[in-house]
Amino acid sequence: MELEFKNQEKYVARNLHSSEWKQVIEKAKSAPEAKLHMFVLQCFANSQTISIGTICAFKGINLETGAQRSVGSTAISYISNWVKAVTNEEKAFFCQWHPISGKWTIDSYQMRALRKALGCENTIPLPPKQYGDL
């Protein structure tokens, strides 16, 4: 079978159960950049997405060059490695990369499992019933 993109054989989409997310969260909390990693996980839990720009903003970096985009990739790489360790699957990947927008996203199942692991009250963040409730 012909691959669609370079290095495709290195990745397999993997949905994590909330118990697996709890283990990833523990690894994130004990990492040197724990605040950044927890911020990334909380962004996924709240909106299913995080961008390179958001990660750079968290770190106080104004994007000026393409090379600075690697700051975001590094943060996602740590989480990806923890996912691989927790699942014992060398090719496990938990999110999708959108190269044009510079965002990573997770599906709704991942978001719900992650929210449960984080101890959120609701499995999905619900909008207000009316805009007047804001």
C-alpha atoms as a PDB file:
ATOM      1  CA  MET A   1       0.000   0.000   0.000  1.00  0.00           C
ATOM      2  CA  GLU A   2       1.292   3.428  -0.908  1.00  0.00           C
ATOM      3  CA  LEU A   3       1.533   5.913   1.975  1.00  0.00           C
ATOM      4  CA  GLU A   4      -0.145   9.287   1.688  1.00  0.00           C
ATOM      5  CA  PHE A   5       2.570  11.248   3.501  1.00  0.00           C
ATOM      6  CA  LYS A   6       6.147  10.876   4.700  1.00  0.00           C
ATOM      7  CA  ASN A   7       6.505   8.970   7.981  1.00  0.00           C
ATOM      8  CA  GLN A   8       2.849   7.890   7.991  1.00  0.00           C
ATOM      9  CA  GLU A   9       3.862   4.376   9.037  1.00  0.00           C
ATOM     10  CA  LYS A  10       5.121   5.782  12.354  1.00  0.00           C
ATOM     11  CA  TYR A  11       1.661   6.760  13.619  1.00  0.00           C
ATOM     12  CA  VAL A  12      -1.564   4.978  14.494  1.00  0.00           C
ATOM     13  CA  ALA A  13      -4.570   6.872  15.844  1.00  0.00           C
ATOM     14  CA  ARG A  14      -5.308   5.800  19.410  1.00  0.00           C
ATOM     15  CA  ASN A  15      -8.283   6.772  21.589  1.00  0.00           C
ATOM     16  CA  LEU A  16      -7.375   6.755  25.258  1.00  0.00           C
ATOM     17  CA  HIS A  17      -9.681   5.659  28.061  1.00  0.00           C
ATOM     18  CA  SER A  18     -10.023   8.060  30.997  1.00  0.00           C
ATOM     19  CA  SER A  19      -7.850   5.747  33.133  1.00  0.00           C
ATOM     20  CA  GLU A  20      -5.073   6.082  30.539  1.00  0.00           C
ATOM     21  CA  TRP A  21      -5.513   9.854  30.425  1.00  0.00           C
ATOM     22  CA  LYS A  22      -5.112   9.923  34.214  1.00  0.00           C
ATOM     23  CA  GLN A  23      -1.702   8.307  33.815  1.00  0.00           C
ATOM     24  CA  VAL A  24      -0.732  10.838  31.117  1.00  0.00           C
ATOM     25  CA  ILE A  25      -1.890  13.656  33.417  1.00  0.00           C
ATOM     26  CA  GLU A  26       0.301  12.341  36.242  1.00  0.00           C
ATOM     27  CA  LYS A  27       3.299  12.324  33.902  1.00  0.00           C
ATOM     28  CA  ALA A  28       2.451  15.858  32.762  1.00  0.00           C
ATOM     29  CA  LYS A  29       2.158  17.101  36.355  1.00  0.00           C
ATOM     30  CA  SER A  30       5.592  15.748  37.254  1.00  0.00           C
ATOM     31  CA  ALA A  31       7.371  17.051  34.123  1.00  0.00           C
ATOM     32  CA  PRO A  32       9.735  20.048  34.220  1.00  0.00           C
ATOM     33  CA  GLU A  33       7.273  22.134  32.161  1.00  0.00           C
ATOM     34  CA  ALA A  34       4.213  20.865  34.029  1.00  0.00           C
ATOM     35  CA  LYS A  35       2.287  24.140  33.718  1.00  0.00           C
ATOM     36  CA  LEU A  36       2.663  24.126  29.938  1.00  0.00           C
ATOM     37  CA  HIS A  37       1.702  20.477  29.560  1.00  0.00           C
ATOM     38  CA  MET A  38      -1.339  20.846  31.798  1.00  0.00           C
ATOM     39  CA  PHE A  39      -2.322  23.975  29.848  1.00  0.00           C
ATOM     40  CA  VAL A  40      -2.181  21.970  26.597  1.00  0.00           C
ATOM     41  CA  LEU A  41      -4.264  19.153  28.091  1.00  0.00           C
ATOM     42  CA  GLN A  42      -6.795  21.638  29.484  1.00  0.00           C
ATOM     43  CA  CYS A  43      -7.095  23.323  26.069  1.00  0.00           C
ATOM     44  CA  PHE A  44      -7.849  19.924  24.530  1.00  0.00           C
ATOM     45  CA  ALA A  45     -10.387  19.252  27.291  1.00  0.00           C
ATOM     46  CA  ASN A  46     -12.109  22.611  26.837  1.00  0.00           C
ATOM     47  CA  SER A  47     -12.102  23.042  23.073  1.00  0.00           C
ATOM     48  CA  GLN A  48     -10.633  19.889  21.462  1.00  0.00           C
ATOM     49  CA  THR A  49      -7.855  22.002  19.942  1.00  0.00           C
ATOM     50  CA  ILE A  50      -4.655  23.908  20.562  1.00  0.00           C
ATOM     51  CA  SER A  51      -2.545  25.891  18.131  1.00  0.00           C
ATOM     52  CA  ILE A  52       1.130  26.610  17.776  1.00  0.00           C
ATOM     53  CA  GLY A  53       0.269  30.272  18.367  1.00  0.00           C
ATOM     54  CA  THR A  54      -1.480  29.466  21.636  1.00  0.00           C
ATOM     55  CA  ILE A  55       1.461  27.444  22.935  1.00  0.00           C
ATOM     56  CA  CYS A  56       3.887  30.201  21.913  1.00  0.00           C
ATOM     57  CA  ALA A  57       1.699  32.816  23.602  1.00  0.00           C
ATOM     58  CA  PHE A  58       1.707  30.745  26.801  1.00  0.00           C
ATOM     59  CA  LYS A  59       5.512  30.740  26.647  1.00  0.00           C
ATOM     60  CA  GLY A  60       5.646  34.499  25.915  1.00  0.00           C
ATOM     61  CA  ILE A  61       6.912  34.032  22.355  1.00  0.00           C
ATOM     62  CA  ASN A  62       5.740  36.214  19.481  1.00  0.00           C
ATOM     63  CA  LEU A  63       6.016  34.147  16.326  1.00  0.00           C
ATOM     64  CA  GLU A  64       8.426  35.804  13.913  1.00  0.00           C
ATOM     65  CA  THR A  65       9.971  32.875  12.032  1.00  0.00           C
ATOM     66  CA  GLY A  66       8.927  29.445  10.881  1.00  0.00           C
ATOM     67  CA  ALA A  67      11.558  27.896  13.151  1.00  0.00           C
ATOM     68  CA  GLN A  68       9.698  29.160  16.215  1.00  0.00           C
ATOM     69  CA  ARG A  69       6.771  26.924  15.289  1.00  0.00           C
ATOM     70  CA  SER A  70       8.786  23.998  16.676  1.00  0.00           C
ATOM     71  CA  VAL A  71       8.031  25.264  20.207  1.00  0.00           C
ATOM     72  CA  GLY A  72       4.503  23.899  19.846  1.00  0.00           C
ATOM     73  CA  SER A  73       5.644  20.642  18.294  1.00  0.00           C
ATOM     74  CA  THR A  74       7.956  19.997  21.225  1.00  0.00           C
ATOM     75  CA  ALA A  75       5.113  20.355  23.739  1.00  0.00           C
ATOM     76  CA  ILE A  76       2.903  17.936  21.797  1.00  0.00           C
ATOM     77  CA  SER A  77       5.836  15.507  21.423  1.00  0.00           C
ATOM     78  CA  TYR A  78       6.172  15.161  25.188  1.00  0.00           C
ATOM     79  CA  ILE A  79       2.488  14.330  25.548  1.00  0.00           C
ATOM     80  CA  SER A  80       2.717  11.927  22.611  1.00  0.00           C
ATOM     81  CA  ASN A  81       5.605  10.106  24.275  1.00  0.00           C
ATOM     82  CA  TRP A  82       3.608   9.767  27.492  1.00  0.00           C
ATOM     83  CA  VAL A  83       0.661   8.391  25.481  1.00  0.00           C
ATOM     84  CA  LYS A  84       2.988   5.806  23.918  1.00  0.00           C
ATOM     85  CA  ALA A  85       4.370   4.861  27.337  1.00  0.00           C
ATOM     86  CA  VAL A  86       0.935   4.558  28.953  1.00  0.00           C
ATOM     87  CA  THR A  87      -0.562   2.515  26.114  1.00  0.00           C
ATOM     88  CA  ASN A  88       2.584   0.459  25.454  1.00  0.00           C
ATOM     89  CA  GLU A  89       2.045   1.208  21.770  1.00  0.00           C
ATOM     90  CA  GLU A  90       5.061   2.645  19.969  1.00  0.00           C
ATOM     91  CA  LYS A  91       2.945   4.123  17.170  1.00  0.00           C
ATOM     92  CA  ALA A  92       0.076   5.496  19.284  1.00  0.00           C
ATOM     93  CA  PHE A  93      -0.910   9.055  18.447  1.00  0.00           C
ATOM     94  CA  PHE A  94      -3.750  10.835  20.210  1.00  0.00           C
ATOM     95  CA  CYS A  95      -4.395  13.918  18.088  1.00  0.00           C
ATOM     96  CA  GLN A  96      -4.501  15.171  14.527  1.00  0.00           C
ATOM     97  CA  TRP A  97      -2.262  17.862  13.043  1.00  0.00           C
ATOM     98  CA  HIS A  98      -3.694  20.517  10.742  1.00  0.00           C
ATOM     99  CA  PRO A  99      -0.710  21.991   8.885  1.00  0.00           C
ATOM    100  CA  ILE A 100      -2.514  24.930   7.305  1.00  0.00           C
ATOM    101  CA  SER A 101      -4.038  26.280  10.529  1.00  0.00           C
ATOM    102  CA  GLY A 102      -1.159  25.143  12.720  1.00  0.00           C
ATOM    103  CA  LYS A 103      -3.472  23.311  15.144  1.00  0.00           C
ATOM    104  CA  TRP A 104      -3.728  19.943  16.805  1.00  0.00           C
ATOM    105  CA  THR A 105      -7.194  18.555  17.492  1.00  0.00           C
ATOM    106  CA  ILE A 106      -8.718  15.606  19.313  1.00  0.00           C
ATOM    107  CA  ASP A 107     -12.059  13.955  18.635  1.00  0.00           C
ATOM    108  CA  SER A 108     -15.069  14.138  20.926  1.00  0.00           C
ATOM    109  CA  TYR A 109     -14.385  10.733  22.497  1.00  0.00           C
ATOM    110  CA  GLN A 110     -10.858  11.834  23.442  1.00  0.00           C
ATOM    111  CA  MET A 111     -12.206  15.111  24.833  1.00  0.00           C
ATOM    112  CA  ARG A 112     -14.808  13.361  26.994  1.00  0.00           C
ATOM    113  CA  ALA A 113     -12.301  10.807  28.333  1.00  0.00           C
ATOM    114  CA  LEU A 114      -9.758  13.548  29.039  1.00  0.00           C
ATOM    115  CA  ARG A 115     -12.363  15.695  30.797  1.00  0.00           C
ATOM    116  CA  LYS A 116     -13.349  12.743  32.977  1.00  0.00           C
ATOM    117  CA  ALA A 117      -9.689  12.115  33.833  1.00  0.00           C
ATOM    118  CA  LEU A 118      -9.269  15.783  34.765  1.00  0.00           C
ATOM    119  CA  GLY A 119     -12.261  15.542  37.104  1.00  0.00           C
ATOM    120  CA  CYS A 120     -14.538  17.860  35.119  1.00  0.00           C
ATOM    121  CA  GLU A 121     -18.150  17.891  36.218  1.00  0.00           C
ATOM    122  CA  ASN A 122     -19.558  17.611  32.672  1.00  0.00           C
ATOM    123  CA  THR A 123     -18.254  15.340  29.943  1.00  0.00           C
ATOM    124  CA  ILE A 124     -18.719  18.156  27.434  1.00  0.00           C
ATOM    125  CA  PRO A 125     -18.539  21.889  28.087  1.00  0.00           C
ATOM    126  CA  LEU A 126     -22.017  23.189  27.366  1.00  0.00           C
ATOM    127  CA  PRO A 127     -22.728  26.667  25.991  1.00  0.00           C
ATOM    128  CA  PRO A 128     -25.149  28.913  27.870  1.00  0.00           C
ATOM    129  CA  LYS A 129     -28.835  28.369  27.062  1.00  0.00           C
ATOM    130  CA  GLN A 130     -29.046  31.919  25.765  1.00  0.00           C
ATOM    131  CA  TYR A 131     -26.474  34.513  24.916  1.00  0.00           C
ATOM    132  CA  GLY A 132     -28.170  36.699  27.513  1.00  0.00           C
ATOM    133  CA  ASP A 133     -26.860  34.289  30.182  1.00  0.00           C
ATOM    134  CA  LEU A 134     -23.309  35.496  29.575  1.00  0.00           C
END
